Structures are given as structure tokens and as C-alpha cells.
Amino acid sequence: MSEISETEIKSMTKEQNYMRGYKDGKSDALKLLKQEPKTGHCKDCKYFEYDSVARVDGVPLIVAHEICSRWGDGCKTREDGYCFLFEPKESEEI
């Protein structure tokens, strides 16, 4: 790999630095690039909720349907959607 000046590194975006293995990325960048991306349907993700419940004046109410709690304070999605932030639901043990 060729040497890059400090000025060039500062002008790169964080993603470019990460991909080149500088600063935030270091040696972990190559490991991440070799990993299989994790994707899956929203309905199989631990952050997916069919009915999102909140307390309104002390009363629990369904306030939204098909919500991903991973995005912000909850984002509308669909059960057959998919996402790179997918994390499988933990299996229920009996």
C-alpha cells in the first residue's frame, strides 16, 4: 500500500478512511469487508414490532403498526421488507 499524506487523509470522508484501513478502521476494516452481510426480512428481526404500544394518559394503546425500533424512535416498515441492520430474533427456550 502506498503512503498517503496527512492532508490527503484529512480530505477523505470517514468511509474512505475506514475502507483504506486508516484512523477509525485500522486492521478491522479488512475483517469487516470479508464478512458476509447480515440481511433478513423485518418480520424475523428482533427490532420489528407488529403493534407498537405506548402509554397515552396512563392508558396503554397501540399507536403504530409494523415498526422497526432500531431506526430512531421507531420507523414504519413492512414485514416483508429487509435491512442491513437485521438481527435475528432470539430463540424462545421452553
Protein backbone atom coordinates (compact mmCIF):
# COMPACT_ATOMS: atom_id res chain seq x y z
CA MET A 1 0.00 0.00 0.00
CA SER A 2 1.34 3.42 -0.89
CA GLU A 3 1.89 6.14 1.69
CA ILE A 4 -0.77 8.84 1.95
CA SER A 5 -0.07 12.27 3.34
CA GLU A 6 -1.87 13.60 6.42
CA THR A 7 -3.53 16.26 4.23
CA GLU A 8 -4.96 13.58 1.92
CA ILE A 9 -6.24 11.58 4.89
CA LYS A 10 -7.98 14.66 6.35
CA SER A 11 -9.66 15.39 3.00
CA MET A 12 -11.12 11.86 2.78
CA THR A 13 -14.52 11.02 4.14
CA LYS A 14 -14.77 8.80 7.20
CA GLU A 15 -15.92 5.93 4.94
CA GLN A 16 -12.92 6.31 2.67
CA ASN A 17 -10.58 6.28 5.67
CA TYR A 18 -12.34 3.22 7.03
CA MET A 19 -12.10 1.37 3.73
CA ARG A 20 -8.39 2.15 3.43
CA GLY A 21 -7.77 0.95 6.98
CA TYR A 22 -6.74 4.34 8.41
CA LYS A 23 -7.80 6.01 11.66
CA ASP A 24 -11.18 4.52 12.75
CA GLY A 25 -10.85 1.38 10.65
CA LYS A 26 -7.26 0.22 11.20
CA SER A 27 -6.86 -3.56 10.75
CA ASP A 28 -10.54 -4.30 11.47
CA ALA A 29 -11.52 -2.80 8.11
CA LEU A 30 -10.32 -5.86 6.22
CA LYS A 31 -12.14 -8.22 8.58
CA LEU A 32 -15.40 -6.33 8.08
CA LEU A 33 -15.02 -6.31 4.31
CA LYS A 34 -14.64 -10.10 4.27
CA GLN A 35 -17.75 -10.74 6.40
CA GLU A 36 -20.99 -11.79 4.80
CA PRO A 37 -23.56 -9.00 5.08
CA LYS A 38 -26.37 -9.79 7.50
CA THR A 39 -29.75 -9.23 5.93
CA GLY A 40 -33.13 -10.68 6.62
CA HIS A 41 -36.82 -9.94 6.50
CA CYS A 42 -38.14 -7.45 9.01
CA LYS A 43 -40.66 -9.95 10.42
CA ASP A 44 -37.73 -12.15 11.55
CA CYS A 45 -35.77 -9.30 13.18
CA LYS A 46 -35.71 -8.69 16.93
CA TYR A 47 -36.39 -4.97 16.38
CA PHE A 48 -39.62 -5.49 14.41
CA GLU A 49 -42.96 -4.91 16.17
CA TYR A 50 -46.34 -5.64 14.60
CA ASP A 51 -48.05 -3.42 17.16
CA SER A 52 -46.15 -0.66 18.92
CA VAL A 53 -47.68 0.14 22.31
CA ALA A 54 -47.29 3.41 24.21
CA ARG A 55 -48.98 4.88 27.26
CA VAL A 56 -51.33 7.76 26.45
CA ASP A 57 -52.64 9.48 29.57
CA GLY A 58 -51.68 6.37 31.53
CA VAL A 59 -53.57 4.01 29.22
CA PRO A 60 -51.60 1.54 27.06
CA LEU A 61 -52.63 1.97 23.42
CA ILE A 62 -51.45 0.57 20.11
CA VAL A 63 -50.05 3.67 18.44
CA ALA A 64 -48.41 2.18 15.34
CA HIS A 65 -48.21 -0.99 13.26
CA GLU A 66 -45.20 -2.68 11.64
CA ILE A 67 -42.48 -0.60 13.30
CA CYS A 68 -38.71 -1.00 13.40
CA SER A 69 -37.46 0.16 16.80
CA ARG A 70 -33.82 0.20 15.59
CA TRP A 71 -34.31 3.33 13.46
CA GLY A 72 -34.66 6.45 15.61
CA ASP A 73 -37.66 6.34 17.90
CA GLY A 74 -39.38 3.85 15.61
CA CYS A 75 -39.80 3.85 11.86
CA LYS A 76 -42.59 2.46 9.69
CA THR A 77 -41.62 -0.67 7.78
CA ARG A 78 -43.26 -3.78 6.32
CA GLU A 79 -42.96 -7.36 7.49
CA ASP A 80 -41.61 -8.46 4.10
CA GLY A 81 -39.05 -5.64 3.98
CA TYR A 82 -35.38 -6.30 4.65
CA CYS A 83 -32.49 -4.36 6.09
CA PHE A 84 -28.73 -4.43 6.59
CA LEU A 85 -29.26 -3.80 10.34
CA PHE A 86 -31.08 -7.12 10.63
CA GLU A 87 -30.56 -9.10 13.84
CA PRO A 88 -32.42 -12.40 14.18
CA LYS A 89 -34.92 -12.85 16.99
CA GLU A 90 -33.56 -14.81 19.92
CA SER A 91 -35.00 -18.30 20.04
CA GLU A 92 -37.55 -18.94 22.74
CA GLU A 93 -36.47 -21.62 25.16
CA ILE A 94 -39.13 -23.76 26.82
